[in-house]
PDB file of N, CA and C in Angstrom:
ATOM      1  N   MET A   1     170.960  93.547 107.761  1.00  0.00           N
ATOM      2  CA  MET A   1     171.894  94.258 107.686  1.00  0.00           C
ATOM      3  C   MET A   1     172.483  95.429 108.950  1.00  0.00           C
ATOM      4  N   LYS A   2     173.351  95.232 109.240  1.00  0.00           N
ATOM      5  CA  LYS A   2     173.155  96.710 110.397  1.00  0.00           C
ATOM      6  C   LYS A   2     173.880  97.444 109.575  1.00  0.00           C
ATOM      7  N   LEU A   3     173.970  99.219 110.275  1.00  0.00           N
ATOM      8  CA  LEU A   3     174.756 100.230 109.499  1.00  0.00           C
ATOM      9  C   LEU A   3     175.877  99.885 109.676  1.00  0.00           C
ATOM     10  N   PRO A   4     176.008 100.469 108.520  1.00  0.00           N
ATOM     11  CA  PRO A   4     178.005  99.861 108.446  1.00  0.00           C
ATOM     12  C   PRO A   4     178.994 101.335 109.144  1.00  0.00           C
ATOM     13  N   ASN A   5     179.810 100.287 109.813  1.00  0.00           N
ATOM     14  CA  ASN A   5     180.751 101.116 110.704  1.00  0.00           C
ATOM     15  C   ASN A   5     180.008 101.635 111.929  1.00  0.00           C
ATOM     16  N   TYR A   6     178.843 101.234 112.588  1.00  0.00           N
ATOM     17  CA  TYR A   6     178.099 101.702 113.293  1.00  0.00           C
ATOM     18  C   TYR A   6     178.972 102.209 114.738  1.00  0.00           C
ATOM     19  N   GLY A   7     180.113 101.846 114.890  1.00  0.00           N
ATOM     20  CA  GLY A   7     180.875 101.949 115.751  1.00  0.00           C
ATOM     21  C   GLY A   7     181.460 103.143 115.914  1.00  0.00           C
ATOM     22  N   LYS A   8     181.621 103.780 114.575  1.00  0.00           N
ATOM     23  CA  LYS A   8     182.328 105.259 114.173  1.00  0.00           C
ATOM     24  C   LYS A   8     181.104 105.916 114.327  1.00  0.00           C
ATOM     25  N   ALA A   9     179.808 105.529 114.296  1.00  0.00           N
ATOM     26  CA  ALA A   9     178.898 106.704 114.104  1.00  0.00           C
ATOM     27  C   ALA A   9     179.115 108.078 114.695  1.00  0.00           C
ATOM     28  N   ILE A  10     178.175 109.205 114.339  1.00  0.00           N
ATOM     29  CA  ILE A  10     178.958 110.368 114.633  1.00  0.00           C
ATOM     30  C   ILE A  10     176.780 111.060 115.059  1.00  0.00           C
ATOM     31  N   VAL A  11     176.885 111.773 115.977  1.00  0.00           N
ATOM     32  CA  VAL A  11     175.830 112.257 116.632  1.00  0.00           C
ATOM     33  C   VAL A  11     176.211 113.564 116.722  1.00  0.00           C
ATOM     34  N   PRO A  12     175.784 114.806 115.848  1.00  0.00           N
ATOM     35  CA  PRO A  12     176.686 116.099 115.907  1.00  0.00           C
ATOM     36  C   PRO A  12     175.554 116.516 117.062  1.00  0.00           C
ATOM     37  N   ARG A  13     176.157 117.560 118.060  1.00  0.00           N
ATOM     38  CA  ARG A  13     175.323 118.094 119.300  1.00  0.00           C
ATOM     39  C   ARG A  13     174.361 118.795 118.722  1.00  0.00           C
ATOM     40  N   GLU A  14     174.411 119.778 117.727  1.00  0.00           N
ATOM     41  CA  GLU A  14     173.520 120.484 117.180  1.00  0.00           C
ATOM     42  C   GLU A  14     172.421 119.892 116.616  1.00  0.00           C
ATOM     43  N   LYS A  15     172.467 118.471 116.056  1.00  0.00           N
ATOM     44  CA  LYS A  15     171.418 117.709 115.226  1.00  0.00           C
ATOM     45  C   LYS A  15     170.188 117.684 116.638  1.00  0.00           C
ATOM     46  N   ILE A  16     170.949 117.737 118.178  1.00  0.00           N
ATOM     47  CA  ILE A  16     170.020 116.755 118.871  1.00  0.00           C
ATOM     48  C   ILE A  16     169.354 118.541 120.016  1.00  0.00           C
ATOM     49  N   THR A  17     170.205 118.861 119.794  1.00  0.00           N
ATOM     50  CA  THR A  17     169.843 120.596 120.589  1.00  0.00           C
ATOM     51  C   THR A  17     169.179 121.457 119.853  1.00  0.00           C
ATOM     52  N   GLY A  18     169.503 121.518 118.644  1.00  0.00           N
ATOM     53  CA  GLY A  18     168.600 122.378 117.544  1.00  0.00           C
ATOM     54  C   GLY A  18     167.857 122.022 117.256  1.00  0.00           C
ATOM     55  N   TYR A  19     167.513 120.740 116.887  1.00  0.00           N
ATOM     56  CA  TYR A  19     166.608 120.159 116.386  1.00  0.00           C
ATOM     57  C   TYR A  19     165.585 119.151 117.024  1.00  0.00           C
ATOM     58  N   LEU A  20     166.575 117.960 117.110  1.00  0.00           N
ATOM     59  CA  LEU A  20     165.188 117.147 117.374  1.00  0.00           C
ATOM     60  C   LEU A  20     164.550 117.397 119.340  1.00  0.00           C
ATOM     61  N   LEU A  21     165.335 118.290 120.103  1.00  0.00           N
ATOM     62  CA  LEU A  21     164.792 118.946 121.170  1.00  0.00           C
ATOM     63  C   LEU A  21     164.705 120.198 120.975  1.00  0.00           C
ATOM     64  N   SER A  22     164.604 121.116 120.002  1.00  0.00           N
ATOM     65  CA  SER A  22     164.195 122.391 120.175  1.00  0.00           C
ATOM     66  C   SER A  22     162.855 122.518 119.852  1.00  0.00           C
ATOM     67  N   SER A  23     162.140 123.455 120.694  1.00  0.00           N
ATOM     68  CA  SER A  23     160.518 123.628 120.800  1.00  0.00           C
ATOM     69  C   SER A  23     160.322 124.374 119.725  1.00  0.00           C
ATOM     70  N   SER A  24     161.142 125.452 119.370  1.00  0.00           N
ATOM     71  CA  SER A  24     161.321 126.782 118.374  1.00  0.00           C
ATOM     72  C   SER A  24     161.331 126.099 117.124  1.00  0.00           C
ATOM     73  N   HIS A  25     162.217 125.054 116.655  1.00  0.00           N
ATOM     74  CA  HIS A  25     162.476 124.986 115.404  1.00  0.00           C
ATOM     75  C   HIS A  25     161.394 124.607 114.589  1.00  0.00           C
ATOM     76  N   PRO A  26     161.285 124.908 113.947  1.00  0.00           N
ATOM     77  CA  PRO A  26     160.192 124.795 112.215  1.00  0.00           C
ATOM     78  C   PRO A  26     159.712 122.964 112.427  1.00  0.00           C
ATOM     79  N   ASP A  27     160.579 122.575 111.729  1.00  0.00           N
ATOM     80  CA  ASP A  27     160.879 120.993 111.495  1.00  0.00           C
ATOM     81  C   ASP A  27     160.229 120.467 113.112  1.00  0.00           C
ATOM     82  N   GLY A  28     161.202 120.833 114.140  1.00  0.00           N
ATOM     83  CA  GLY A  28     161.697 119.857 115.030  1.00  0.00           C
ATOM     84  C   GLY A  28     160.659 119.269 116.323  1.00  0.00           C
ATOM     85  N   ARG A  29     160.076 120.378 116.197  1.00  0.00           N
ATOM     86  CA  ARG A  29     159.280 121.060 117.389  1.00  0.00           C
ATOM     87  C   ARG A  29     158.275 119.584 117.907  1.00  0.00           C
ATOM     88  N   SER A  30     157.823 119.488 116.724  1.00  0.00           N
ATOM     89  CA  SER A  30     157.024 118.408 116.913  1.00  0.00           C
ATOM     90  C   SER A  30     157.684 117.014 117.824  1.00  0.00           C
ATOM     91  N   LYS A  31     159.100 116.569 117.042  1.00  0.00           N
ATOM     92  CA  LYS A  31     160.013 115.694 117.493  1.00  0.00           C
ATOM     93  C   LYS A  31     160.582 116.128 119.327  1.00  0.00           C
ATOM     94  N   ALA A  32     160.661 117.100 119.577  1.00  0.00           N
ATOM     95  CA  ALA A  32     160.958 117.626 121.011  1.00  0.00           C
ATOM     96  C   ALA A  32     159.887 117.605 121.517  1.00  0.00           C
ATOM     97  N   ARG A  33     158.825 117.469 121.167  1.00  0.00           N
ATOM     98  CA  ARG A  33     157.292 117.429 122.287  1.00  0.00           C
ATOM     99  C   ARG A  33     158.044 115.822 122.284  1.00  0.00           C
ATOM    100  N   PHE A  34     158.119 114.910 121.614  1.00  0.00           N
ATOM    101  CA  PHE A  34     157.815 113.440 121.807  1.00  0.00           C
ATOM    102  C   PHE A  34     159.006 112.915 122.408  1.00  0.00           C
ATOM    103  N   PHE A  35     160.756 113.638 122.460  1.00  0.00           N
ATOM    104  CA  PHE A  35     161.412 113.108 122.798  1.00  0.00           C
ATOM    105  C   PHE A  35     161.478 113.753 124.438  1.00  0.00           C
ATOM    106  N   THR A  36     161.078 115.242 124.400  1.00  0.00           N
ATOM    107  CA  THR A  36     160.806 115.378 125.665  1.00  0.00           C
ATOM    108  C   THR A  36     159.834 114.397 126.708  1.00  0.00           C
ATOM    109  N   GLY A  37     158.610 113.792 126.099  1.00  0.00           N
ATOM    110  CA  GLY A  37     157.926 113.511 126.902  1.00  0.00           C
ATOM    111  C   GLY A  37     158.292 112.177 126.918  1.00  0.00           C
ATOM    112  N   PHE A  38     159.392 111.946 126.745  1.00  0.00           N
ATOM    113  CA  PHE A  38     160.281 110.334 127.073  1.00  0.00           C
ATOM    114  C   PHE A  38     161.258 110.800 128.180  1.00  0.00           C
ATOM    115  N   GLY A  39     161.394 112.171 128.412  1.00  0.00           N
ATOM    116  CA  GLY A  39     162.461 112.409 129.646  1.00  0.00           C
ATOM    117  C   GLY A  39     163.921 112.961 128.806  1.00  0.00           C
ATOM    118  N   PHE A  40     164.228 112.969 127.482  1.00  0.00           N
ATOM    119  CA  PHE A  40     164.778 113.710 127.089  1.00  0.00           C
ATOM    120  C   PHE A  40     165.013 115.164 127.353  1.00  0.00           C
ATOM    121  N   SER A  41     166.179 115.798 127.577  1.00  0.00           N
ATOM    122  CA  SER A  41     166.558 116.685 127.715  1.00  0.00           C
ATOM    123  C   SER A  41     167.808 118.013 126.830  1.00  0.00           C
ATOM    124  N   VAL A  42     167.210 119.136 126.622  1.00  0.00           N
ATOM    125  CA  VAL A  42     168.387 119.952 125.836  1.00  0.00           C
ATOM    126  C   VAL A  42     170.174 119.325 127.146  1.00  0.00           C
ATOM    127  N   GLU A  43     169.088 119.877 128.764  1.00  0.00           N
ATOM    128  CA  GLU A  43     170.733 120.116 129.101  1.00  0.00           C
ATOM    129  C   GLU A  43     171.502 118.634 129.692  1.00  0.00           C
ATOM    130  N   SER A  44     170.643 117.511 128.899  1.00  0.00           N
ATOM    131  CA  SER A  44     171.470 116.271 128.758  1.00  0.00           C
ATOM    132  C   SER A  44     171.059 115.522 127.587  1.00  0.00           C
ATOM    133  N   TRP A  45     171.498 116.538 126.399  1.00  0.00           N
ATOM    134  CA  TRP A  45     171.513 116.384 124.976  1.00  0.00           C
ATOM    135  C   TRP A  45     172.152 114.647 125.163  1.00  0.00           C
ATOM    136  N   GLN A  46     173.584 114.333 125.834  1.00  0.00           N
ATOM    137  CA  GLN A  46     174.634 113.440 125.493  1.00  0.00           C
ATOM    138  C   GLN A  46     173.744 112.548 125.823  1.00  0.00           C
ATOM    139  N   THR A  47     172.435 112.045 126.439  1.00  0.00           N
ATOM    140  CA  THR A  47     172.115 110.585 126.706  1.00  0.00           C
ATOM    141  C   THR A  47     171.020 110.409 125.937  1.00  0.00           C
ATOM    142  N   LEU A  48     170.313 111.479 124.660  1.00  0.00           N
ATOM    143  CA  LEU A  48     169.546 111.256 123.634  1.00  0.00           C
ATOM    144  C   LEU A  48     170.484 110.657 122.504  1.00  0.00           C
ATOM    145  N   ALA A  49     171.836 111.568 122.209  1.00  0.00           N
ATOM    146  CA  ALA A  49     172.972 110.966 121.511  1.00  0.00           C
ATOM    147  C   ALA A  49     172.974 109.018 121.748  1.00  0.00           C
ATOM    148  N   GLU A  50     173.237 109.127 122.740  1.00  0.00           N
ATOM    149  CA  GLU A  50     173.892 108.015 123.410  1.00  0.00           C
ATOM    150  C   GLU A  50     172.608 106.894 122.672  1.00  0.00           C
ATOM    151  N   ALA A  51     171.255 107.127 123.323  1.00  0.00           N
ATOM    152  CA  ALA A  51     170.648 106.417 123.081  1.00  0.00           C
ATOM    153  C   ALA A  51     170.252 106.092 121.134  1.00  0.00           C
ATOM    154  N   LEU A  52     170.697 106.747 120.791  1.00  0.00           N
ATOM    155  CA  LEU A  52     170.758 106.734 118.884  1.00  0.00           C
ATOM    156  C   LEU A  52     171.783 105.359 118.513  1.00  0.00           C
ATOM    157  N   LEU A  53     172.646 106.177 119.290  1.00  0.00           N
ATOM    158  CA  LEU A  53     173.800 105.380 119.185  1.00  0.00           C
ATOM    159  C   LEU A  53     173.517 103.563 118.834  1.00  0.00           C
ATOM    160  N   ARG A  54     172.722 103.132 120.366  1.00  0.00           N
ATOM    161  CA  ARG A  54     172.938 101.988 121.049  1.00  0.00           C
ATOM    162  C   ARG A  54     171.785 101.224 119.528  1.00  0.00           C
ATOM    163  N   HIS A  55     170.837 102.627 119.655  1.00  0.00           N
ATOM    164  CA  HIS A  55     169.764 102.183 118.497  1.00  0.00           C
ATOM    165  C   HIS A  55     170.497 101.706 117.327  1.00  0.00           C
ATOM    166  N   ALA A  56     171.464 102.068 116.422  1.00  0.00           N
ATOM    167  CA  ALA A  56     171.914 102.407 115.072  1.00  0.00           C
ATOM    168  C   ALA A  56     173.032 100.729 115.599  1.00  0.00           C
ATOM    169  N   ALA A  57     173.240 100.492 116.694  1.00  0.00           N
ATOM    170  CA  ALA A  57     174.014  99.013 116.740  1.00  0.00           C
ATOM    171  C   ALA A  57     172.984  98.321 117.312  1.00  0.00           C
ATOM    172  N   ASP A  58     172.373  98.332 117.389  1.00  0.00           N
ATOM    173  CA  ASP A  58     170.670  97.474 117.776  1.00  0.00           C
ATOM    174  C   ASP A  58     170.122  96.738 116.912  1.00  0.00           C
ATOM    175  N   ASP A  59     169.931  97.712 116.067  1.00  0.00           N
ATOM    176  CA  ASP A  59     168.458  97.300 115.101  1.00  0.00           C
ATOM    177  C   ASP A  59     169.356  97.343 114.098  1.00  0.00           C
ATOM    178  N   LYS A  60     168.161  97.028 112.789  1.00  0.00           N
ATOM    179  CA  LYS A  60     168.709  96.387 111.473  1.00  0.00           C
ATOM    180  C   LYS A  60     168.234  97.513 110.732  1.00  0.00           C
ATOM    181  N   VAL A  61     169.219  97.540 109.596  1.00  0.00           N
ATOM    182  CA  VAL A  61     168.700  98.806 108.424  1.00  0.00           C
ATOM    183  C   VAL A  61     167.681  98.422 107.900  1.00  0.00           C
ATOM    184  N   ALA A  62     166.526  99.246 107.720  1.00  0.00           N
ATOM    185  CA  ALA A  62     165.441  98.894 106.961  1.00  0.00           C
ATOM    186  C   ALA A  62     165.376  99.076 105.683  1.00  0.00           C
ATOM    187  N   LYS A  63     165.733 100.350 105.576  1.00  0.00           N
ATOM    188  CA  LYS A  63     165.963 100.650 103.776  1.00  0.00           C
ATOM    189  C   LYS A  63     167.388 101.498 103.863  1.00  0.00           C
ATOM    190  N   VAL A  64     168.171 101.208 102.317  1.00  0.00           N
ATOM    191  CA  VAL A  64     169.298 102.309 101.497  1.00  0.00           C
ATOM    192  C   VAL A  64     168.866 102.290 100.325  1.00  0.00           C
ATOM    193  N   GLU A  65     169.090 104.130 100.359  1.00  0.00           N
ATOM    194  CA  GLU A  65     168.923 104.574  99.487  1.00  0.00           C
ATOM    195  C   GLU A  65     170.297 105.542  99.270  1.00  0.00           C
ATOM    196  N   THR A  66     170.995 104.970  97.803  1.00  0.00           N
ATOM    197  CA  THR A  66     172.072 105.237  96.964  1.00  0.00           C
ATOM    198  C   THR A  66     171.770 106.297  96.103  1.00  0.00           C
ATOM    199  N   SER A  67     172.637 107.577  96.164  1.00  0.00           N
ATOM    200  CA  SER A  67     172.560 108.471  95.468  1.00  0.00           C
ATOM    201  C   SER A  67     174.595 109.099  94.784  1.00  0.00           C
ATOM    202  N   LEU A  68     174.461 110.191  93.939  1.00  0.00           N
ATOM    203  CA  LEU A  68     176.000 110.144  94.027  1.00  0.00           C
ATOM    204  C   LEU A  68     176.715 110.947  94.889  1.00  0.00           C
ATOM    205  N   PHE A  69     175.723 111.388  96.263  1.00  0.00           N
ATOM    206  CA  PHE A  69     176.313 112.204  97.296  1.00  0.00           C
ATOM    207  C   PHE A  69     176.475 110.877  97.830  1.00  0.00           C
ATOM    208  N   GLY A  70     176.042 109.809  98.209  1.00  0.00           N
ATOM    209  CA  GLY A  70     176.226 108.794  99.013  1.00  0.00           C
ATOM    210  C   GLY A  70     175.114 108.139  99.539  1.00  0.00           C
ATOM    211  N   ALA A  71     175.190 107.080 100.719  1.00  0.00           N
ATOM    212  CA  ALA A  71     174.241 105.969 100.958  1.00  0.00           C
ATOM    213  C   ALA A  71     173.006 106.305 102.215  1.00  0.00           C
ATOM    214  N   ARG A  72     171.877 106.379 102.097  1.00  0.00           N
ATOM    215  CA  ARG A  72     171.064 106.814 102.946  1.00  0.00           C
ATOM    216  C   ARG A  72     170.497 105.740 103.903  1.00  0.00           C
ATOM    217  N   TYR A  73     170.866 105.850 104.675  1.00  0.00           N
ATOM    218  CA  TYR A  73     170.388 104.117 105.964  1.00  0.00           C
ATOM    219  C   TYR A  73     168.901 104.777 106.812  1.00  0.00           C
ATOM    220  N   VAL A  74     168.158 103.922 106.798  1.00  0.00           N
ATOM    221  CA  VAL A  74     166.853 104.297 107.964  1.00  0.00           C
ATOM    222  C   VAL A  74     166.676 102.856 108.771  1.00  0.00           C
ATOM    223  N   ILE A  75     166.787 103.079 110.212  1.00  0.00           N
ATOM    224  CA  ILE A  75     166.261 101.794 110.949  1.00  0.00           C
ATOM    225  C   ILE A  75     165.438 102.759 111.669  1.00  0.00           C
ATOM    226  N   ASP A  76     164.549 101.365 111.587  1.00  0.00           N
ATOM    227  CA  ASP A  76     163.737 101.236 112.473  1.00  0.00           C
ATOM    228  C   ASP A  76     163.315 100.255 113.651  1.00  0.00           C
ATOM    229  N   GLY A  77     163.036 101.037 114.907  1.00  0.00           N
ATOM    230  CA  GLY A  77     163.479  99.822 116.049  1.00  0.00           C
ATOM    231  C   GLY A  77     163.025 101.058 117.771  1.00  0.00           C
ATOM    232  N   THR A  78     163.415 100.483 118.667  1.00  0.00           N
ATOM    233  CA  THR A  78     163.005 101.366 119.715  1.00  0.00           C
ATOM    234  C   THR A  78     164.443 101.777 120.282  1.00  0.00           C
ATOM    235  N   ILE A  79     164.522 102.541 121.162  1.00  0.00           N
ATOM    236  CA  ILE A  79     165.211 103.766 121.887  1.00  0.00           C
ATOM    237  C   ILE A  79     165.208 103.329 123.418  1.00  0.00           C
ATOM    238  N   SER A  80     166.113 103.363 123.829  1.00  0.00           N
ATOM    239  CA  SER A  80     165.963 103.568 125.815  1.00  0.00           C
ATOM    240  C   SER A  80     165.417 104.827 126.593  1.00  0.00           C
ATOM    241  N   THR A  81     164.622 105.309 127.046  1.00  0.00           N
ATOM    242  CA  THR A  81     164.525 106.601 127.298  1.00  0.00           C
ATOM    243  C   THR A  81     165.140 106.714 129.094  1.00  0.00           C
ATOM    244  N   PRO A  82     164.552 108.135 129.198  1.00  0.00           N
ATOM    245  CA  PRO A  82     164.954 107.854 130.831  1.00  0.00           C
ATOM    246  C   PRO A  82     164.033 108.292 131.332  1.00  0.00           C
ATOM    247  N   ASP A  83     162.683 107.730 131.228  1.00  0.00           N
ATOM    248  CA  ASP A  83     161.759 107.621 131.963  1.00  0.00           C
ATOM    249  C   ASP A  83     161.083 105.946 131.740  1.00  0.00           C
ATOM    250  N   GLY A  84     162.274 105.241 131.655  1.00  0.00           N
ATOM    251  CA  GLY A  84     162.501 103.776 131.547  1.00  0.00           C
ATOM    252  C   GLY A  84     161.304 103.140 130.069  1.00  0.00           C
ATOM    253  N   ARG A  85     160.715 103.727 129.548  1.00  0.00           N
ATOM    254  CA  ARG A  85     159.766 103.614 128.771  1.00  0.00           C
ATOM    255  C   ARG A  85     160.654 103.092 127.224  1.00  0.00           C
ATOM    256  N   ALA A  86     159.911 102.725 126.470  1.00  0.00           N
ATOM    257  CA  ALA A  86     160.698 102.373 125.275  1.00  0.00           C
ATOM    258  C   ALA A  86     159.992 103.111 123.870  1.00  0.00           C
ATOM    259  N   ALA A  87     160.814 103.837 123.173  1.00  0.00           N
ATOM    260  CA  ALA A  87     160.403 104.810 122.304  1.00  0.00           C
ATOM    261  C   ALA A  87     160.180 103.992 121.089  1.00  0.00           C
ATOM    262  N   LEU A  88     159.063 104.225 120.067  1.00  0.00           N
ATOM    263  CA  LEU A  88     159.104 103.632 118.663  1.00  0.00           C
ATOM    264  C   LEU A  88     159.964 104.561 117.517  1.00  0.00           C
ATOM    265  N   ILE A  89     161.220 104.322 117.215  1.00  0.00           N
ATOM    266  CA  ILE A  89     161.640 105.796 116.348  1.00  0.00           C
ATOM    267  C   ILE A  89     161.930 104.998 114.978  1.00  0.00           C
ATOM    268  N   ARG A  90     162.086 106.329 113.739  1.00  0.00           N
ATOM    269  CA  ARG A  90     163.185 105.866 112.649  1.00  0.00           C
ATOM    270  C   ARG A  90     163.867 106.919 112.890  1.00  0.00           C
ATOM    271  N   SER A  91     165.192 106.134 112.710  1.00  0.00           N
ATOM    272  CA  SER A  91     166.207 107.226 112.216  1.00  0.00           C
ATOM    273  C   SER A  91     167.062 106.932 111.292  1.00  0.00           C
ATOM    274  N   VAL A  92     167.555 108.215 110.789  1.00  0.00           N
ATOM    275  CA  VAL A  92     167.898 107.832 109.661  1.00  0.00           C
ATOM    276  C   VAL A  92     169.707 108.740 109.710  1.00  0.00           C
ATOM    277  N   TRP A  93     170.759 107.890 108.862  1.00  0.00           N
ATOM    278  CA  TRP A  93     171.745 108.044 108.717  1.00  0.00           C
ATOM    279  C   TRP A  93     172.212 108.322 107.409  1.00  0.00           C
ATOM    280  N   PHE A  94     173.525 108.387 107.377  1.00  0.00           N
ATOM    281  CA  PHE A  94     174.109 109.146 106.149  1.00  0.00           C
ATOM    282  C   PHE A  94     175.389 108.816 105.851  1.00  0.00           C
ATOM    283  N   ILE A  95     176.206 108.210 104.921  1.00  0.00           N
ATOM    284  CA  ILE A  95     177.428 108.188 104.940  1.00  0.00           C
ATOM    285  C   ILE A  95     177.769 108.787 103.385  1.00  0.00           C
ATOM    286  N   GLU A  96     178.803 109.841 103.522  1.00  0.00           N
ATOM    287  CA  GLU A  96     178.967 110.373 102.066  1.00  0.00           C
ATOM    288  C   GLU A  96     180.049 109.588 101.218  1.00  0.00           C
ATOM    289  N   THR A  97     179.921 109.965 100.199  1.00  0.00           N
ATOM    290  CA  THR A  97     180.590 108.957  98.807  1.00  0.00           C
ATOM    291  C   THR A  97     181.989 109.392  99.232  1.00  0.00           C
ATOM    292  N   GLY A  98     182.803 108.432  99.241  1.00  0.00           N
ATOM    293  CA  GLY A  98     184.017 108.015  99.426  1.00  0.00           C
ATOM    294  C   GLY A  98     184.225 108.298 100.976  1.00  0.00           C
ATOM    295  N   GLU A  99     183.549 108.266 101.765  1.00  0.00           N
ATOM    296  CA  GLU A  99     183.616 108.226 103.593  1.00  0.00           C
ATOM    297  C   GLU A  99     182.908 106.519 103.987  1.00  0.00           C
ATOM    298  N   SER A 100     183.107 106.763 105.151  1.00  0.00           N
ATOM    299  CA  SER A 100     182.852 105.388 105.877  1.00  0.00           C
ATOM    300  C   SER A 100     182.071 105.951 107.049  1.00  0.00           C
ATOM    301  N   ILE A 101     182.344 106.886 107.775  1.00  0.00           N
ATOM    302  CA  ILE A 101     181.540 107.243 108.693  1.00  0.00           C
ATOM    303  C   ILE A 101     180.105 107.635 108.376  1.00  0.00           C
ATOM    304  N   PRO A 102     179.074 106.826 109.260  1.00  0.00           N
ATOM    305  CA  PRO A 102     177.697 107.583 109.205  1.00  0.00           C
ATOM    306  C   PRO A 102     177.265 108.468 110.099  1.00  0.00           C
ATOM    307  N   ARG A 103     177.017 109.268 109.571  1.00  0.00           N
ATOM    308  CA  ARG A 103     176.209 110.647 110.289  1.00  0.00           C
ATOM    309  C   ARG A 103     175.133 110.568 110.650  1.00  0.00           C
ATOM    310  N   PHE A 104     174.676 110.928 112.006  1.00  0.00           N
ATOM    311  CA  PHE A 104     172.801 110.805 111.893  1.00  0.00           C
ATOM    312  C   PHE A 104     172.548 112.286 111.715  1.00  0.00           C
ATOM    313  N   ALA A 105     171.535 111.631 110.719  1.00  0.00           N
ATOM    314  CA  ALA A 105     170.355 113.136 110.246  1.00  0.00           C
ATOM    315  C   ALA A 105     169.314 113.396 110.712  1.00  0.00           C
ATOM    316  N   ALA A 106     168.491 112.326 111.101  1.00  0.00           N
ATOM    317  CA  ALA A 106     167.290 112.935 111.594  1.00  0.00           C
ATOM    318  C   ALA A 106     166.754 111.213 112.279  1.00  0.00           C
ATOM    319  N   ALA A 107     165.794 111.733 112.970  1.00  0.00           N
ATOM    320  CA  ALA A 107     164.671 110.588 113.835  1.00  0.00           C
ATOM    321  C   ALA A 107     163.046 111.201 114.039  1.00  0.00           C
ATOM    322  N   TYR A 108     162.487 110.142 114.016  1.00  0.00           N
ATOM    323  CA  TYR A 108     161.477 110.745 114.464  1.00  0.00           C
ATOM    324  C   TYR A 108     160.182 109.562 114.863  1.00  0.00           C
ATOM    325  N   PRO A 109     159.377 110.415 115.690  1.00  0.00           N
ATOM    326  CA  PRO A 109     158.344 108.611 116.151  1.00  0.00           C
ATOM    327  C   PRO A 109     157.800 107.728 114.951  1.00  0.00           C
ATOM    328  N   LEU A 110     157.687 106.340 115.312  1.00  0.00           N
ATOM    329  CA  LEU A 110     156.925 105.595 114.482  1.00  0.00           C
ATOM    330  C   LEU A 110     155.910 105.422 115.639  1.00  0.00           C
ATOM    331  N   ARG A 111     154.518 104.843 114.614  1.00  0.00           N
ATOM    332  CA  ARG A 111     153.527 104.488 115.349  1.00  0.00           C
ATOM    333  C   ARG A 111     153.755 102.951 115.638  1.00  0.00           C
ATOM    334  N   ARG A 112     153.473 102.312 116.416  1.00  0.00           N
ATOM    335  CA  ARG A 112     153.125 100.911 116.621  1.00  0.00           C
ATOM    336  C   ARG A 112     152.166 100.077 115.289  1.00  0.00           C
ATOM    337  N   ARG A 113     152.893  99.097 114.558  1.00  0.00           N
ATOM    338  CA  ARG A 113     151.582  98.891 113.918  1.00  0.00           C
ATOM    339  C   ARG A 113     150.320  97.857 114.599  1.00  0.00           C
ATOM    340  N   GLU A 114     149.356  97.765 113.931  1.00  0.00           N
ATOM    341  CA  GLU A 114     147.936  97.089 114.794  1.00  0.00           C
ATOM    342  C   GLU A 114     148.069  96.246 114.045  1.00  0.00           C
ATOM    343  N   LYS A 115     147.901  94.783 115.021  1.00  0.00           N
ATOM    344  CA  LYS A 115     147.845  93.290 114.276  1.00  0.00           C
ATOM    345  C   LYS A 115     146.613  93.299 113.940  1.00  0.00           C
TER     346      LYS A 115
END
């Protein structure tokens, strides 16, 4: 299953600049080390936003959790990075009850599973 309405998905600038790429955010700084290590930067925040949108379009939903507030969609897969490598991540998207447009909530690195 794909993220519903992924073509209309929204990635707010503040989620990228103030969280995922923020070296001073208490929860985001480890994520910032990960993403900047692949060449993403605050100055070109749109590059990470576009990579997350492609990730939502290309990869399948791994898990859906519903609540009174809406549905949370978890997507595992890779994103293309500025330095040419593929980064394995999990992204989380949320669609509020009564709405149809997914909004980006979070992303973090995943480790490759050993065989």
